[in-house]
Amino acid sequence: MKLLNFGRYDVVLSDRYIFKYFVKQMMLMNALEINEVDEHIFNITNLEDYRPVFRDKRVRDDFNLGLKKIKENRTFQKIYDNYMEP
């Protein structure tokens, strides 16, 4: 993030949400003033289609149940906003 901002790197390959998280961290620490970046999609897929992989079906089922519950009670949105909103 810093090297991109200082012009030492021209390109960073990153998940957009991870990138935004680190931008937020830099802003919160007043570490540097963030320059605008151009985002280019390099992969044509459903960008909302993230799938964790589980080896154990019980762990998968527990994860899915927990995820369903936090989406229903809006905890998921609060967590998301905490990471993404400046």
PDB file of N, CA and C in Angstrom:
ATOM      1  N   MET A   1       0.814  -1.178   0.000  1.00  0.00           N
ATOM      2  CA  MET A   1       0.000   0.000   0.000  1.00  0.00           C
ATOM      3  C   MET A   1       0.865   1.251   0.000  1.00  0.00           C
ATOM      4  N   LYS A   2       1.834   1.313   0.903  1.00  0.00           N
ATOM      5  CA  LYS A   2       2.696   2.493   0.966  1.00  0.00           C
ATOM      6  C   LYS A   2       3.540   2.628  -0.299  1.00  0.00           C
ATOM      7  N   LEU A   3       4.095   1.516  -0.764  1.00  0.00           N
ATOM      8  CA  LEU A   3       4.957   1.582  -1.949  1.00  0.00           C
ATOM      9  C   LEU A   3       4.170   1.972  -3.195  1.00  0.00           C
ATOM     10  N   LEU A   4       2.927   1.530  -3.293  1.00  0.00           N
ATOM     11  CA  LEU A   4       2.072   1.948  -4.406  1.00  0.00           C
ATOM     12  C   LEU A   4       1.813   3.445  -4.305  1.00  0.00           C
ATOM     13  N   ASN A   5       1.511   3.894  -3.115  1.00  0.00           N
ATOM     14  CA  ASN A   5       1.201   5.301  -2.902  1.00  0.00           C
ATOM     15  C   ASN A   5       2.406   6.201  -3.179  1.00  0.00           C
ATOM     16  N   PHE A   6       3.613   5.717  -2.874  1.00  0.00           N
ATOM     17  CA  PHE A   6       4.827   6.510  -3.106  1.00  0.00           C
ATOM     18  C   PHE A   6       5.369   6.372  -4.524  1.00  0.00           C
ATOM     19  N   GLY A   7       4.680   5.595  -5.370  1.00  0.00           N
ATOM     20  CA  GLY A   7       5.101   5.446  -6.745  1.00  0.00           C
ATOM     21  C   GLY A   7       6.220   4.433  -6.955  1.00  0.00           C
ATOM     22  N   ARG A   8       6.540   3.656  -5.925  1.00  0.00           N
ATOM     23  CA  ARG A   8       7.576   2.619  -6.066  1.00  0.00           C
ATOM     24  C   ARG A   8       7.035   1.412  -6.817  1.00  0.00           C
ATOM     25  N   TYR A   9       5.722   1.184  -6.718  1.00  0.00           N
ATOM     26  CA  TYR A   9       5.045   0.124  -7.472  1.00  0.00           C
ATOM     27  C   TYR A   9       4.046   0.786  -8.401  1.00  0.00           C
ATOM     28  N   ASP A  10       3.854   0.165  -9.539  1.00  0.00           N
ATOM     29  CA  ASP A  10       2.846   0.654 -10.483  1.00  0.00           C
ATOM     30  C   ASP A  10       1.558  -0.149 -10.404  1.00  0.00           C
ATOM     31  N   VAL A  11       1.664  -1.399  -9.964  1.00  0.00           N
ATOM     32  CA  VAL A  11       0.521  -2.305  -9.960  1.00  0.00           C
ATOM     33  C   VAL A  11       0.532  -3.116  -8.669  1.00  0.00           C
ATOM     34  N   VAL A  12      -0.653  -3.325  -8.124  1.00  0.00           N
ATOM     35  CA  VAL A  12      -0.830  -4.219  -6.984  1.00  0.00           C
ATOM     36  C   VAL A  12      -1.979  -5.149  -7.326  1.00  0.00           C
ATOM     37  N   LEU A  13      -1.744  -6.422  -7.185  1.00  0.00           N
ATOM     38  CA  LEU A  13      -2.788  -7.413  -7.404  1.00  0.00           C
ATOM     39  C   LEU A  13      -3.362  -7.776  -6.046  1.00  0.00           C
ATOM     40  N   SER A  14      -4.620  -7.428  -5.835  1.00  0.00           N
ATOM     41  CA  SER A  14      -5.214  -7.606  -4.509  1.00  0.00           C
ATOM     42  C   SER A  14      -6.724  -7.749  -4.629  1.00  0.00           C
ATOM     43  N   ASP A  15      -7.288  -8.412  -3.677  1.00  0.00           N
ATOM     44  CA  ASP A  15      -8.733  -8.403  -3.507  1.00  0.00           C
ATOM     45  C   ASP A  15      -9.150  -6.981  -3.140  1.00  0.00           C
ATOM     46  N   ARG A  16     -10.210  -6.484  -3.742  1.00  0.00           N
ATOM     47  CA  ARG A  16     -10.608  -5.088  -3.515  1.00  0.00           C
ATOM     48  C   ARG A  16     -10.947  -4.814  -2.057  1.00  0.00           C
ATOM     49  N   TYR A  17     -11.531  -5.770  -1.360  1.00  0.00           N
ATOM     50  CA  TYR A  17     -11.920  -5.530   0.025  1.00  0.00           C
ATOM     51  C   TYR A  17     -10.712  -5.539   0.963  1.00  0.00           C
ATOM     52  N   ILE A  18      -9.749  -6.369   0.677  1.00  0.00           N
ATOM     53  CA  ILE A  18      -8.515  -6.368   1.460  1.00  0.00           C
ATOM     54  C   ILE A  18      -7.773  -5.055   1.224  1.00  0.00           C
ATOM     55  N   PHE A  19      -7.722  -4.615  -0.015  1.00  0.00           N
ATOM     56  CA  PHE A  19      -7.077  -3.343  -0.332  1.00  0.00           C
ATOM     57  C   PHE A  19      -7.752  -2.202   0.410  1.00  0.00           C
ATOM     58  N   LYS A  20      -9.094  -2.162   0.379  1.00  0.00           N
ATOM     59  CA  LYS A  20      -9.827  -1.096   1.066  1.00  0.00           C
ATOM     60  C   LYS A  20      -9.589  -1.134   2.570  1.00  0.00           C
ATOM     61  N   TYR A  21      -9.465  -2.321   3.123  1.00  0.00           N
ATOM     62  CA  TYR A  21      -9.189  -2.451   4.550  1.00  0.00           C
ATOM     63  C   TYR A  21      -7.852  -1.789   4.888  1.00  0.00           C
ATOM     64  N   PHE A  22      -6.818  -2.061   4.085  1.00  0.00           N
ATOM     65  CA  PHE A  22      -5.514  -1.474   4.366  1.00  0.00           C
ATOM     66  C   PHE A  22      -5.502   0.035   4.121  1.00  0.00           C
ATOM     67  N   VAL A  23      -6.271   0.512   3.158  1.00  0.00           N
ATOM     68  CA  VAL A  23      -6.418   1.957   2.974  1.00  0.00           C
ATOM     69  C   VAL A  23      -7.006   2.560   4.243  1.00  0.00           C
ATOM     70  N   LYS A  24      -8.037   1.929   4.764  1.00  0.00           N
ATOM     71  CA  LYS A  24      -8.658   2.424   5.994  1.00  0.00           C
ATOM     72  C   LYS A  24      -7.660   2.451   7.140  1.00  0.00           C
ATOM     73  N   GLN A  25      -6.849   1.391   7.276  1.00  0.00           N
ATOM     74  CA  GLN A  25      -5.859   1.339   8.348  1.00  0.00           C
ATOM     75  C   GLN A  25      -4.857   2.487   8.228  1.00  0.00           C
ATOM     76  N   MET A  26      -4.399   2.765   7.022  1.00  0.00           N
ATOM     77  CA  MET A  26      -3.449   3.864   6.813  1.00  0.00           C
ATOM     78  C   MET A  26      -4.091   5.201   7.172  1.00  0.00           C
ATOM     79  N   MET A  27      -5.361   5.354   6.821  1.00  0.00           N
ATOM     80  CA  MET A  27      -6.057   6.603   7.124  1.00  0.00           C
ATOM     81  C   MET A  27      -6.248   6.763   8.629  1.00  0.00           C
ATOM     82  N   LEU A  28      -6.597   5.678   9.331  1.00  0.00           N
ATOM     83  CA  LEU A  28      -6.806   5.744  10.779  1.00  0.00           C
ATOM     84  C   LEU A  28      -5.512   6.071  11.528  1.00  0.00           C
ATOM     85  N   MET A  29      -4.397   5.586  11.012  1.00  0.00           N
ATOM     86  CA  MET A  29      -3.106   5.836  11.654  1.00  0.00           C
ATOM     87  C   MET A  29      -2.495   7.166  11.209  1.00  0.00           C
ATOM     88  N   ASN A  30      -3.183   7.861  10.300  1.00  0.00           N
ATOM     89  CA  ASN A  30      -2.640   9.085   9.710  1.00  0.00           C
ATOM     90  C   ASN A  30      -1.231   8.832   9.184  1.00  0.00           C
ATOM     91  N   ALA A  31      -1.015   7.624   8.660  1.00  0.00           N
ATOM     92  CA  ALA A  31       0.310   7.224   8.191  1.00  0.00           C
ATOM     93  C   ALA A  31       0.682   7.943   6.902  1.00  0.00           C
ATOM     94  N   LEU A  32      -0.298   8.175   6.067  1.00  0.00           N
ATOM     95  CA  LEU A  32      -0.032   8.886   4.830  1.00  0.00           C
ATOM     96  C   LEU A  32      -1.339   9.304   4.198  1.00  0.00           C
ATOM     97  N   GLU A  33      -1.242  10.280   3.322  1.00  0.00           N
ATOM     98  CA  GLU A  33      -2.415  10.708   2.560  1.00  0.00           C
ATOM     99  C   GLU A  33      -2.537   9.783   1.357  1.00  0.00           C
ATOM    100  N   ILE A  34      -3.660   9.129   1.226  1.00  0.00           N
ATOM    101  CA  ILE A  34      -3.852   8.123   0.195  1.00  0.00           C
ATOM    102  C   ILE A  34      -4.213   8.789  -1.123  1.00  0.00           C
ATOM    103  N   ASN A  35      -3.464   8.445  -2.172  1.00  0.00           N
ATOM    104  CA  ASN A  35      -3.765   8.932  -3.512  1.00  0.00           C
ATOM    105  C   ASN A  35      -4.854   8.071  -4.145  1.00  0.00           C
ATOM    106  N   GLU A  36      -5.534   8.634  -5.113  1.00  0.00           N
ATOM    107  CA  GLU A  36      -6.536   7.874  -5.861  1.00  0.00           C
ATOM    108  C   GLU A  36      -5.843   6.752  -6.644  1.00  0.00           C
ATOM    109  N   VAL A  37      -6.533   5.631  -6.769  1.00  0.00           N
ATOM    110  CA  VAL A  37      -6.013   4.524  -7.564  1.00  0.00           C
ATOM    111  C   VAL A  37      -7.065   4.125  -8.588  1.00  0.00           C
ATOM    112  N   ASP A  38      -6.611   3.575  -9.691  1.00  0.00           N
ATOM    113  CA  ASP A  38      -7.510   3.037 -10.700  1.00  0.00           C
ATOM    114  C   ASP A  38      -7.627   1.543 -10.474  1.00  0.00           C
ATOM    115  N   GLU A  39      -8.849   1.073 -10.427  1.00  0.00           N
ATOM    116  CA  GLU A  39      -9.092  -0.349 -10.237  1.00  0.00           C
ATOM    117  C   GLU A  39      -9.438  -0.979 -11.582  1.00  0.00           C
ATOM    118  N   HIS A  40      -8.771  -2.066 -11.892  1.00  0.00           N
ATOM    119  CA  HIS A  40      -9.019  -2.790 -13.125  1.00  0.00           C
ATOM    120  C   HIS A  40      -9.388  -4.225 -12.787  1.00  0.00           C
ATOM    121  N   ILE A  41     -10.437  -4.703 -13.383  1.00  0.00           N
ATOM    122  CA  ILE A  41     -10.842  -6.094 -13.166  1.00  0.00           C
ATOM    123  C   ILE A  41     -10.018  -6.974 -14.089  1.00  0.00           C
ATOM    124  N   PHE A  42      -9.329  -7.938 -13.520  1.00  0.00           N
ATOM    125  CA  PHE A  42      -8.478  -8.816 -14.316  1.00  0.00           C
ATOM    126  C   PHE A  42      -9.070 -10.203 -14.467  1.00  0.00           C
ATOM    127  N   ASN A  43     -10.187 -10.438 -13.803  1.00  0.00           N
ATOM    128  CA  ASN A  43     -10.795 -11.752 -13.820  1.00  0.00           C
ATOM    129  C   ASN A  43     -12.295 -11.577 -14.030  1.00  0.00           C
ATOM    130  N   ILE A  44     -12.839 -12.225 -15.023  1.00  0.00           N
ATOM    131  CA  ILE A  44     -14.266 -12.096 -15.291  1.00  0.00           C
ATOM    132  C   ILE A  44     -14.989 -13.260 -14.618  1.00  0.00           C
ATOM    133  N   THR A  45     -15.436 -12.981 -13.416  1.00  0.00           N
ATOM    134  CA  THR A  45     -16.203 -13.956 -12.632  1.00  0.00           C
ATOM    135  C   THR A  45     -17.248 -13.182 -11.850  1.00  0.00           C
ATOM    136  N   ASN A  46     -18.027 -13.897 -11.112  1.00  0.00           N
ATOM    137  CA  ASN A  46     -18.961 -13.244 -10.202  1.00  0.00           C
ATOM    138  C   ASN A  46     -18.150 -12.754  -9.006  1.00  0.00           C
ATOM    139  N   LEU A  47     -17.957 -11.444  -8.885  1.00  0.00           N
ATOM    140  CA  LEU A  47     -17.104 -10.875  -7.850  1.00  0.00           C
ATOM    141  C   LEU A  47     -17.652 -11.079  -6.443  1.00  0.00           C
ATOM    142  N   GLU A  48     -18.921 -11.421  -6.334  1.00  0.00           N
ATOM    143  CA  GLU A  48     -19.520 -11.663  -5.022  1.00  0.00           C
ATOM    144  C   GLU A  48     -19.501 -13.145  -4.657  1.00  0.00           C
ATOM    145  N   ASP A  49     -18.934 -13.978  -5.509  1.00  0.00           N
ATOM    146  CA  ASP A  49     -18.974 -15.431  -5.319  1.00  0.00           C
ATOM    147  C   ASP A  49     -17.691 -15.926  -4.647  1.00  0.00           C
ATOM    148  N   TYR A  50     -17.615 -15.718  -3.330  1.00  0.00           N
ATOM    149  CA  TYR A  50     -16.483 -16.204  -2.552  1.00  0.00           C
ATOM    150  C   TYR A  50     -16.908 -17.491  -1.853  1.00  0.00           C
ATOM    151  N   ARG A  51     -16.058 -18.486  -1.909  1.00  0.00           N
ATOM    152  CA  ARG A  51     -16.407 -19.757  -1.302  1.00  0.00           C
ATOM    153  C   ARG A  51     -15.256 -20.289  -0.462  1.00  0.00           C
ATOM    154  N   PRO A  52     -15.462 -20.336   0.836  1.00  0.00           N
ATOM    155  CA  PRO A  52     -14.442 -20.994   1.658  1.00  0.00           C
ATOM    156  C   PRO A  52     -14.467 -22.494   1.399  1.00  0.00           C
ATOM    157  N   VAL A  53     -13.359 -23.149   1.627  1.00  0.00           N
ATOM    158  CA  VAL A  53     -13.254 -24.586   1.400  1.00  0.00           C
ATOM    159  C   VAL A  53     -13.074 -25.268   2.745  1.00  0.00           C
ATOM    160  N   PHE A  54     -13.854 -26.292   2.969  1.00  0.00           N
ATOM    161  CA  PHE A  54     -13.802 -27.029   4.231  1.00  0.00           C
ATOM    162  C   PHE A  54     -13.478 -28.486   3.962  1.00  0.00           C
ATOM    163  N   ARG A  55     -12.655 -29.053   4.807  1.00  0.00           N
ATOM    164  CA  ARG A  55     -12.355 -30.481   4.719  1.00  0.00           C
ATOM    165  C   ARG A  55     -13.338 -31.302   5.545  1.00  0.00           C
ATOM    166  N   ASP A  56     -13.886 -30.679   6.561  1.00  0.00           N
ATOM    167  CA  ASP A  56     -14.785 -31.373   7.477  1.00  0.00           C
ATOM    168  C   ASP A  56     -16.201 -30.833   7.281  1.00  0.00           C
ATOM    169  N   LYS A  57     -17.146 -31.712   6.980  1.00  0.00           N
ATOM    170  CA  LYS A  57     -18.527 -31.280   6.727  1.00  0.00           C
ATOM    171  C   LYS A  57     -19.160 -30.645   7.956  1.00  0.00           C
ATOM    172  N   ARG A  58     -18.800 -31.125   9.142  1.00  0.00           N
ATOM    173  CA  ARG A  58     -19.361 -30.542  10.372  1.00  0.00           C
ATOM    174  C   ARG A  58     -18.894 -29.105  10.558  1.00  0.00           C
ATOM    175  N   VAL A  59     -17.623 -28.860  10.278  1.00  0.00           N
ATOM    176  CA  VAL A  59     -17.105 -27.494  10.379  1.00  0.00           C
ATOM    177  C   VAL A  59     -17.801 -26.605   9.351  1.00  0.00           C
ATOM    178  N   ARG A  60     -17.980 -27.118   8.138  1.00  0.00           N
ATOM    179  CA  ARG A  60     -18.679 -26.371   7.090  1.00  0.00           C
ATOM    180  C   ARG A  60     -20.099 -26.029   7.529  1.00  0.00           C
ATOM    181  N   ASP A  61     -20.806 -27.016   8.057  1.00  0.00           N
ATOM    182  CA  ASP A  61     -22.188 -26.797   8.479  1.00  0.00           C
ATOM    183  C   ASP A  61     -22.274 -25.798   9.632  1.00  0.00           C
ATOM    184  N   ASP A  62     -21.342 -25.890  10.579  1.00  0.00           N
ATOM    185  CA  ASP A  62     -21.311 -24.924  11.687  1.00  0.00           C
ATOM    186  C   ASP A  62     -21.037 -23.515  11.176  1.00  0.00           C
ATOM    187  N   PHE A  63     -20.084 -23.412  10.235  1.00  0.00           N
ATOM    188  CA  PHE A  63     -19.771 -22.110   9.643  1.00  0.00           C
ATOM    189  C   PHE A  63     -21.003 -21.538   8.953  1.00  0.00           C
ATOM    190  N   ASN A  64     -21.663 -22.337   8.123  1.00  0.00           N
ATOM    191  CA  ASN A  64     -22.840 -21.865   7.393  1.00  0.00           C
ATOM    192  C   ASN A  64     -23.961 -21.445   8.334  1.00  0.00           C
ATOM    193  N   LEU A  65     -24.163 -22.191   9.406  1.00  0.00           N
ATOM    194  CA  LEU A  65     -25.191 -21.838  10.376  1.00  0.00           C
ATOM    195  C   LEU A  65     -24.855 -20.519  11.062  1.00  0.00           C
ATOM    196  N   GLY A  66     -23.602 -20.375  11.480  1.00  0.00           N
ATOM    197  CA  GLY A  66     -23.184 -19.126  12.120  1.00  0.00           C
ATOM    198  C   GLY A  66     -23.292 -17.940  11.180  1.00  0.00           C
ATOM    199  N   LEU A  67     -22.889 -18.133   9.927  1.00  0.00           N
ATOM    200  CA  LEU A  67     -22.985 -17.060   8.940  1.00  0.00           C
ATOM    201  C   LEU A  67     -24.439 -16.662   8.708  1.00  0.00           C
ATOM    202  N   LYS A  68     -25.310 -17.645   8.623  1.00  0.00           N
ATOM    203  CA  LYS A  68     -26.736 -17.359   8.433  1.00  0.00           C
ATOM    204  C   LYS A  68     -27.271 -16.529   9.605  1.00  0.00           C
ATOM    205  N   LYS A  69     -26.881 -16.903  10.827  1.00  0.00           N
ATOM    206  CA  LYS A  69     -27.377 -16.188  12.008  1.00  0.00           C
ATOM    207  C   LYS A  69     -26.880 -14.748  12.046  1.00  0.00           C
ATOM    208  N   ILE A  70     -25.591 -14.532  11.756  1.00  0.00           N
ATOM    209  CA  ILE A  70     -25.098 -13.153  11.827  1.00  0.00           C
ATOM    210  C   ILE A  70     -25.624 -12.298  10.674  1.00  0.00           C
ATOM    211  N   LYS A  71     -26.000 -12.918   9.568  1.00  0.00           N
ATOM    212  CA  LYS A  71     -26.640 -12.146   8.500  1.00  0.00           C
ATOM    213  C   LYS A  71     -28.070 -11.787   8.895  1.00  0.00           C
ATOM    214  N   GLU A  72     -28.761 -12.709   9.546  1.00  0.00           N
ATOM    215  CA  GLU A  72     -30.148 -12.450   9.966  1.00  0.00           C
ATOM    216  C   GLU A  72     -30.224 -11.356  11.019  1.00  0.00           C
ATOM    217  N   ASN A  73     -29.268 -11.318  11.957  1.00  0.00           N
ATOM    218  CA  ASN A  73     -29.351 -10.309  13.021  1.00  0.00           C
ATOM    219  C   ASN A  73     -28.513  -9.058  12.725  1.00  0.00           C
ATOM    220  N   ARG A  74     -28.041  -8.939  11.492  1.00  0.00           N
ATOM    221  CA  ARG A  74     -27.323  -7.772  10.969  1.00  0.00           C
ATOM    222  C   ARG A  74     -25.932  -7.573  11.558  1.00  0.00           C
ATOM    223  N   THR A  75     -25.438  -8.533  12.306  1.00  0.00           N
ATOM    224  CA  THR A  75     -24.071  -8.459  12.816  1.00  0.00           C
ATOM    225  C   THR A  75     -23.087  -8.482  11.658  1.00  0.00           C
ATOM    226  N   PHE A  76     -23.376  -9.274  10.633  1.00  0.00           N
ATOM    227  CA  PHE A  76     -22.500  -9.359   9.462  1.00  0.00           C
ATOM    228  C   PHE A  76     -22.292  -7.977   8.857  1.00  0.00           C
ATOM    229  N   GLN A  77     -23.372  -7.225   8.688  1.00  0.00           N
ATOM    230  CA  GLN A  77     -23.265  -5.885   8.096  1.00  0.00           C
ATOM    231  C   GLN A  77     -22.450  -4.961   8.978  1.00  0.00           C
ATOM    232  N   LYS A  78     -22.617  -5.072  10.298  1.00  0.00           N
ATOM    233  CA  LYS A  78     -21.845  -4.233  11.219  1.00  0.00           C
ATOM    234  C   LYS A  78     -20.354  -4.544  11.110  1.00  0.00           C
ATOM    235  N   ILE A  79     -20.017  -5.808  11.018  1.00  0.00           N
ATOM    236  CA  ILE A  79     -18.611  -6.219  10.861  1.00  0.00           C
ATOM    237  C   ILE A  79     -18.074  -5.687   9.546  1.00  0.00           C
ATOM    238  N   TYR A  80     -18.820  -5.867   8.476  1.00  0.00           N
ATOM    239  CA  TYR A  80     -18.417  -5.392   7.158  1.00  0.00           C
ATOM    240  C   TYR A  80     -18.177  -3.885   7.183  1.00  0.00           C
ATOM    241  N   ASP A  81     -19.127  -3.144   7.730  1.00  0.00           N
ATOM    242  CA  ASP A  81     -19.005  -1.692   7.773  1.00  0.00           C
ATOM    243  C   ASP A  81     -17.795  -1.262   8.605  1.00  0.00           C
ATOM    244  N   ASN A  82     -17.514  -1.982   9.682  1.00  0.00           N
ATOM    245  CA  ASN A  82     -16.369  -1.656  10.523  1.00  0.00           C
ATOM    246  C   ASN A  82     -15.058  -1.754   9.729  1.00  0.00           C
ATOM    247  N   TYR A  83     -14.968  -2.723   8.854  1.00  0.00           N
ATOM    248  CA  TYR A  83     -13.752  -2.891   8.062  1.00  0.00           C
ATOM    249  C   TYR A  83     -13.704  -1.979   6.846  1.00  0.00           C
ATOM    250  N   MET A  84     -14.840  -1.630   6.294  1.00  0.00           N
ATOM    251  CA  MET A  84     -14.843  -0.938   5.013  1.00  0.00           C
ATOM    252  C   MET A  84     -15.111   0.563   5.094  1.00  0.00           C
ATOM    253  N   GLU A  85     -15.859   0.996   6.071  1.00  0.00           N
ATOM    254  CA  GLU A  85     -16.193   2.421   6.137  1.00  0.00           C
ATOM    255  C   GLU A  85     -15.040   3.191   6.772  1.00  0.00           C
ATOM    256  N   PRO A  86     -14.694   4.357   6.208  1.00  0.00           N
ATOM    257  CA  PRO A  86     -13.577   5.171   6.766  1.00  0.00           C
ATOM    258  C   PRO A  86     -13.908   5.763   8.110  1.00  0.00           C
TER     259      PRO A  86
END
